[in-house]
Amino acid sequence: MDDGLSLLVVFALAYFAAAGLAVAMDRHWRNPADRRAGPLRRAVSRLRLSGSVCVVATLAVALSRGELALGVLPWVAALVMVALAVGGGIAAGAAGRKAALSRVSRP
C-alpha cells in the first residue's frame, strides 16, 4: 500500500475508533443525541467493540509499513490528533446547542 494512502487509512480508522469510543460513554451519548435516556447496553457494547477493533486495525495498518518504530510513531500521532479532533467536535456541538437554546428561550 502506498505510504500516503496508508496514512490516510490510519487517520480514518483512528477517527472512527475515537468517535465510537467517545459516543459509547454516557455523557457523550447525550450531547449529540440530546436525549434524556442513556444508550442501550447493546449499543454501548457494539460501539466499544467497533472502536476497539478500529484501534487494532489502525495499529495493523500502521505496522504494515515496515519497521516497528516507523509504524508506532504515526499510529500514536494519529490517535492523539484524532482524539483532539473528536473532543473538539463534541465540545463545539455542545456549545452550539447551548447557544441555540439560549436564543430560543429568550422572550
N, C-alpha and C. Protein backbone atom coordinates (compact mmCIF):
# COMPACT_ATOMS: atom_id res chain seq x y z
N MET A 1 0.85 -1.18 0.00
CA MET A 1 0.00 0.00 0.00
C MET A 1 0.90 1.24 0.00
N ASP A 2 0.51 2.24 -0.73
CA ASP A 2 1.24 3.49 -0.81
C ASP A 2 1.30 4.15 0.57
N ASP A 3 2.40 4.85 0.86
CA ASP A 3 2.57 5.47 2.17
C ASP A 3 1.49 6.51 2.47
N GLY A 4 1.17 7.34 1.48
CA GLY A 4 0.14 8.36 1.69
C GLY A 4 -1.22 7.75 1.93
N LEU A 5 -1.52 6.70 1.17
CA LEU A 5 -2.82 6.03 1.34
C LEU A 5 -2.90 5.31 2.69
N SER A 6 -1.79 4.70 3.10
CA SER A 6 -1.81 4.01 4.39
C SER A 6 -1.98 5.00 5.54
N LEU A 7 -1.36 6.18 5.43
CA LEU A 7 -1.55 7.20 6.48
C LEU A 7 -2.99 7.69 6.50
N LEU A 8 -3.60 7.83 5.33
CA LEU A 8 -5.00 8.23 5.27
C LEU A 8 -5.90 7.18 5.91
N VAL A 9 -5.61 5.91 5.66
CA VAL A 9 -6.38 4.83 6.28
C VAL A 9 -6.17 4.82 7.79
N VAL A 10 -4.94 5.07 8.24
CA VAL A 10 -4.66 5.12 9.68
C VAL A 10 -5.47 6.23 10.34
N PHE A 11 -5.48 7.41 9.74
CA PHE A 11 -6.23 8.52 10.32
C PHE A 11 -7.74 8.27 10.28
N ALA A 12 -8.24 7.69 9.20
CA ALA A 12 -9.68 7.41 9.10
C ALA A 12 -10.10 6.38 10.14
N LEU A 13 -9.35 5.30 10.26
CA LEU A 13 -9.69 4.28 11.25
C LEU A 13 -9.55 4.80 12.67
N ALA A 14 -8.54 5.63 12.91
CA ALA A 14 -8.37 6.21 14.24
C ALA A 14 -9.53 7.15 14.57
N TYR A 15 -10.02 7.88 13.58
CA TYR A 15 -11.16 8.77 13.81
C TYR A 15 -12.41 7.96 14.15
N PHE A 16 -12.66 6.90 13.40
CA PHE A 16 -13.81 6.04 13.70
C PHE A 16 -13.69 5.42 15.08
N ALA A 17 -12.47 5.01 15.45
CA ALA A 17 -12.26 4.42 16.77
C ALA A 17 -12.53 5.43 17.88
N ALA A 18 -11.98 6.62 17.75
CA ALA A 18 -12.16 7.64 18.79
C ALA A 18 -13.62 8.07 18.88
N ALA A 19 -14.27 8.23 17.74
CA ALA A 19 -15.68 8.64 17.76
C ALA A 19 -16.55 7.55 18.37
N GLY A 20 -16.31 6.31 18.02
CA GLY A 20 -17.10 5.22 18.58
C GLY A 20 -16.90 5.07 20.08
N LEU A 21 -15.66 5.17 20.52
CA LEU A 21 -15.39 5.04 21.95
C LEU A 21 -15.91 6.24 22.73
N ALA A 22 -15.89 7.42 22.12
CA ALA A 22 -16.41 8.60 22.82
C ALA A 22 -17.92 8.55 22.95
N VAL A 23 -18.60 8.17 21.88
CA VAL A 23 -20.06 8.12 21.92
C VAL A 23 -20.55 6.97 22.80
N ALA A 24 -19.71 5.97 23.04
CA ALA A 24 -20.09 4.87 23.92
C ALA A 24 -20.18 5.32 25.37
N MET A 25 -19.59 6.46 25.68
CA MET A 25 -19.68 6.99 27.04
C MET A 25 -21.03 7.67 27.23
N ASP A 26 -21.61 7.50 28.40
CA ASP A 26 -22.95 8.00 28.66
C ASP A 26 -23.05 9.52 28.48
N ARG A 27 -22.07 10.24 28.96
CA ARG A 27 -22.09 11.71 28.87
C ARG A 27 -22.06 12.20 27.42
N HIS A 28 -21.21 11.57 26.60
CA HIS A 28 -21.09 12.00 25.21
C HIS A 28 -22.25 11.48 24.37
N TRP A 29 -22.91 10.45 24.80
CA TRP A 29 -24.10 9.96 24.08
C TRP A 29 -25.20 11.00 24.14
N ARG A 30 -25.36 11.60 25.30
CA ARG A 30 -26.44 12.58 25.48
C ARG A 30 -26.16 13.87 24.73
N ASN A 31 -24.91 14.26 24.55
CA ASN A 31 -24.61 15.52 23.87
C ASN A 31 -25.10 15.56 22.43
N PRO A 32 -24.65 14.68 21.52
CA PRO A 32 -25.12 14.81 20.15
C PRO A 32 -26.56 14.36 19.96
N ALA A 33 -26.99 13.39 20.73
CA ALA A 33 -28.35 12.88 20.56
C ALA A 33 -29.37 13.74 21.30
N ASP A 34 -28.93 14.49 22.29
CA ASP A 34 -29.79 15.35 23.12
C ASP A 34 -30.97 14.55 23.67
N ARG A 35 -30.65 13.43 24.24
CA ARG A 35 -31.67 12.56 24.82
C ARG A 35 -31.52 12.54 26.33
N ARG A 36 -32.61 12.34 26.97
CA ARG A 36 -32.57 12.23 28.43
C ARG A 36 -32.10 10.84 28.86
N ALA A 37 -32.54 9.83 28.15
CA ALA A 37 -32.16 8.46 28.49
C ALA A 37 -30.77 8.15 27.93
N GLY A 38 -30.05 7.32 28.60
CA GLY A 38 -28.73 6.92 28.14
C GLY A 38 -28.83 5.89 27.03
N PRO A 39 -27.71 5.46 26.51
CA PRO A 39 -27.71 4.49 25.42
C PRO A 39 -28.09 3.10 25.92
N LEU A 40 -28.54 2.29 25.01
CA LEU A 40 -28.84 0.90 25.34
C LEU A 40 -27.55 0.13 25.56
N ARG A 41 -27.62 -0.90 26.37
CA ARG A 41 -26.41 -1.68 26.66
C ARG A 41 -25.85 -2.31 25.40
N ARG A 42 -26.73 -2.76 24.53
CA ARG A 42 -26.28 -3.40 23.29
C ARG A 42 -25.55 -2.38 22.41
N ALA A 43 -26.06 -1.16 22.35
CA ALA A 43 -25.42 -0.12 21.55
C ALA A 43 -24.05 0.23 22.13
N VAL A 44 -23.96 0.31 23.43
CA VAL A 44 -22.68 0.64 24.08
C VAL A 44 -21.66 -0.46 23.81
N SER A 45 -22.08 -1.71 23.95
CA SER A 45 -21.13 -2.81 23.73
C SER A 45 -20.69 -2.87 22.26
N ARG A 46 -21.60 -2.59 21.34
CA ARG A 46 -21.21 -2.59 19.92
C ARG A 46 -20.29 -1.43 19.60
N LEU A 47 -20.56 -0.26 20.17
CA LEU A 47 -19.68 0.88 19.94
C LEU A 47 -18.29 0.65 20.52
N ARG A 48 -18.23 0.07 21.70
CA ARG A 48 -16.93 -0.23 22.31
C ARG A 48 -16.18 -1.28 21.51
N LEU A 49 -16.89 -2.30 21.05
CA LEU A 49 -16.25 -3.35 20.26
C LEU A 49 -15.75 -2.80 18.93
N SER A 50 -16.58 -2.02 18.26
CA SER A 50 -16.14 -1.46 16.96
C SER A 50 -15.00 -0.47 17.15
N GLY A 51 -15.02 0.32 18.21
CA GLY A 51 -13.91 1.22 18.49
C GLY A 51 -12.62 0.48 18.76
N SER A 52 -12.71 -0.59 19.52
CA SER A 52 -11.52 -1.39 19.82
C SER A 52 -10.98 -2.08 18.58
N VAL A 53 -11.87 -2.59 17.75
CA VAL A 53 -11.45 -3.23 16.50
C VAL A 53 -10.78 -2.21 15.59
N CYS A 54 -11.31 -1.00 15.54
CA CYS A 54 -10.69 0.05 14.72
C CYS A 54 -9.32 0.44 15.24
N VAL A 55 -9.14 0.45 16.56
CA VAL A 55 -7.82 0.76 17.12
C VAL A 55 -6.82 -0.31 16.73
N VAL A 56 -7.21 -1.57 16.82
CA VAL A 56 -6.32 -2.67 16.45
C VAL A 56 -6.04 -2.64 14.95
N ALA A 57 -7.07 -2.36 14.14
CA ALA A 57 -6.87 -2.28 12.69
C ALA A 57 -5.96 -1.12 12.33
N THR A 58 -6.09 -0.02 13.06
CA THR A 58 -5.21 1.13 12.83
C THR A 58 -3.76 0.76 13.11
N LEU A 59 -3.53 0.05 14.19
CA LEU A 59 -2.18 -0.39 14.53
C LEU A 59 -1.65 -1.36 13.48
N ALA A 60 -2.50 -2.26 13.01
CA ALA A 60 -2.07 -3.22 11.99
C ALA A 60 -1.68 -2.52 10.70
N VAL A 61 -2.47 -1.54 10.28
CA VAL A 61 -2.14 -0.79 9.05
C VAL A 61 -0.86 0.01 9.25
N ALA A 62 -0.71 0.63 10.42
CA ALA A 62 0.49 1.42 10.69
C ALA A 62 1.74 0.54 10.72
N LEU A 63 1.63 -0.66 11.27
CA LEU A 63 2.78 -1.55 11.36
C LEU A 63 3.09 -2.24 10.04
N SER A 64 2.14 -2.25 9.12
CA SER A 64 2.37 -2.90 7.83
C SER A 64 3.34 -2.12 6.96
N ARG A 65 3.70 -0.93 7.36
CA ARG A 65 4.61 -0.09 6.59
C ARG A 65 6.05 -0.56 6.68
N GLY A 66 6.37 -1.39 7.64
CA GLY A 66 7.76 -1.88 7.74
C GLY A 66 8.19 -2.05 9.17
N GLU A 67 9.15 -1.24 9.57
CA GLU A 67 9.74 -1.39 10.90
C GLU A 67 8.76 -0.99 12.00
N LEU A 68 9.03 -1.49 13.19
CA LEU A 68 8.16 -1.23 14.34
C LEU A 68 8.14 0.26 14.69
N ALA A 69 9.29 0.89 14.74
CA ALA A 69 9.36 2.31 15.13
C ALA A 69 8.69 3.20 14.09
N LEU A 70 8.78 2.83 12.82
CA LEU A 70 8.17 3.63 11.76
C LEU A 70 6.66 3.43 11.70
N GLY A 71 6.14 2.43 12.38
CA GLY A 71 4.70 2.22 12.41
C GLY A 71 4.05 2.75 13.66
N VAL A 72 4.74 2.64 14.78
CA VAL A 72 4.16 3.06 16.06
C VAL A 72 4.08 4.58 16.16
N LEU A 73 5.08 5.27 15.66
CA LEU A 73 5.08 6.73 15.76
C LEU A 73 3.90 7.37 15.04
N PRO A 74 3.61 7.04 13.77
CA PRO A 74 2.42 7.63 13.14
C PRO A 74 1.12 7.16 13.79
N TRP A 75 1.12 5.95 14.34
CA TRP A 75 -0.08 5.44 15.00
C TRP A 75 -0.40 6.27 16.23
N VAL A 76 0.61 6.53 17.06
CA VAL A 76 0.39 7.34 18.26
C VAL A 76 0.03 8.77 17.89
N ALA A 77 0.71 9.32 16.88
CA ALA A 77 0.40 10.68 16.44
C ALA A 77 -1.03 10.77 15.91
N ALA A 78 -1.46 9.76 15.18
CA ALA A 78 -2.83 9.76 14.66
C ALA A 78 -3.84 9.68 15.79
N LEU A 79 -3.58 8.83 16.78
CA LEU A 79 -4.52 8.71 17.90
C LEU A 79 -4.62 10.02 18.68
N VAL A 80 -3.51 10.71 18.88
CA VAL A 80 -3.54 11.97 19.62
C VAL A 80 -4.29 13.04 18.84
N MET A 81 -3.97 13.19 17.56
CA MET A 81 -4.62 14.24 16.76
C MET A 81 -6.11 13.96 16.58
N VAL A 82 -6.47 12.71 16.40
CA VAL A 82 -7.88 12.37 16.22
C VAL A 82 -8.65 12.54 17.53
N ALA A 83 -8.03 12.22 18.65
CA ALA A 83 -8.70 12.43 19.94
C ALA A 83 -8.98 13.91 20.16
N LEU A 84 -8.04 14.76 19.79
CA LEU A 84 -8.27 16.20 19.90
C LEU A 84 -9.39 16.66 18.97
N ALA A 85 -9.43 16.10 17.77
CA ALA A 85 -10.47 16.47 16.81
C ALA A 85 -11.85 16.02 17.27
N VAL A 86 -11.95 14.81 17.77
CA VAL A 86 -13.24 14.30 18.24
C VAL A 86 -13.68 15.08 19.48
N GLY A 87 -12.77 15.31 20.41
CA GLY A 87 -13.11 16.09 21.60
C GLY A 87 -13.53 17.50 21.26
N GLY A 88 -12.84 18.12 20.32
CA GLY A 88 -13.22 19.46 19.88
C GLY A 88 -14.57 19.48 19.19
N GLY A 89 -14.85 18.44 18.42
CA GLY A 89 -16.16 18.36 17.76
C GLY A 89 -17.30 18.19 18.75
N ILE A 90 -17.09 17.38 19.76
CA ILE A 90 -18.12 17.19 20.78
C ILE A 90 -18.33 18.48 21.56
N ALA A 91 -17.22 19.15 21.90
CA ALA A 91 -17.34 20.41 22.66
C ALA A 91 -18.00 21.50 21.82
N ALA A 92 -17.66 21.58 20.55
CA ALA A 92 -18.26 22.60 19.68
C ALA A 92 -19.75 22.32 19.48
N GLY A 93 -20.11 21.06 19.36
CA GLY A 93 -21.53 20.72 19.21
C GLY A 93 -22.32 21.07 20.45
N ALA A 94 -21.75 20.82 21.61
CA ALA A 94 -22.44 21.15 22.85
C ALA A 94 -22.56 22.66 23.03
N ALA A 95 -21.51 23.40 22.68
CA ALA A 95 -21.56 24.86 22.81
C ALA A 95 -22.56 25.46 21.82
N GLY A 96 -22.59 24.94 20.62
CA GLY A 96 -23.54 25.43 19.63
C GLY A 96 -24.98 25.17 20.02
N ARG A 97 -25.22 24.01 20.61
CA ARG A 97 -26.57 23.67 21.04
C ARG A 97 -27.00 24.56 22.20
N LYS A 98 -26.07 24.85 23.13
CA LYS A 98 -26.41 25.74 24.24
C LYS A 98 -26.73 27.14 23.74
N ALA A 99 -25.95 27.63 22.76
CA ALA A 99 -26.20 28.96 22.21
C ALA A 99 -27.54 29.00 21.50
N ALA A 100 -27.87 27.96 20.77
CA ALA A 100 -29.15 27.91 20.05
C ALA A 100 -30.32 27.85 21.04
N LEU A 101 -30.16 27.09 22.11
CA LEU A 101 -31.22 27.01 23.10
C LEU A 101 -31.40 28.31 23.86
N SER A 102 -30.31 29.04 24.09
CA SER A 102 -30.44 30.30 24.81
C SER A 102 -31.13 31.35 23.94
N ARG A 103 -30.93 31.28 22.62
CA ARG A 103 -31.62 32.24 21.73
C ARG A 103 -33.10 31.93 21.63
N VAL A 104 -33.47 30.66 21.69
CA VAL A 104 -34.87 30.27 21.57
C VAL A 104 -35.62 30.59 22.84
N SER A 105 -34.99 30.44 24.00
CA SER A 105 -35.71 30.63 25.26
C SER A 105 -35.88 32.09 25.66
N ARG A 106 -35.25 33.00 24.95
CA ARG A 106 -35.43 34.43 25.29
C ARG A 106 -36.80 34.92 24.84
N PRO A 107 -37.39 35.83 25.60
CA PRO A 107 -38.72 36.35 25.20
C PRO A 107 -38.67 37.29 24.03
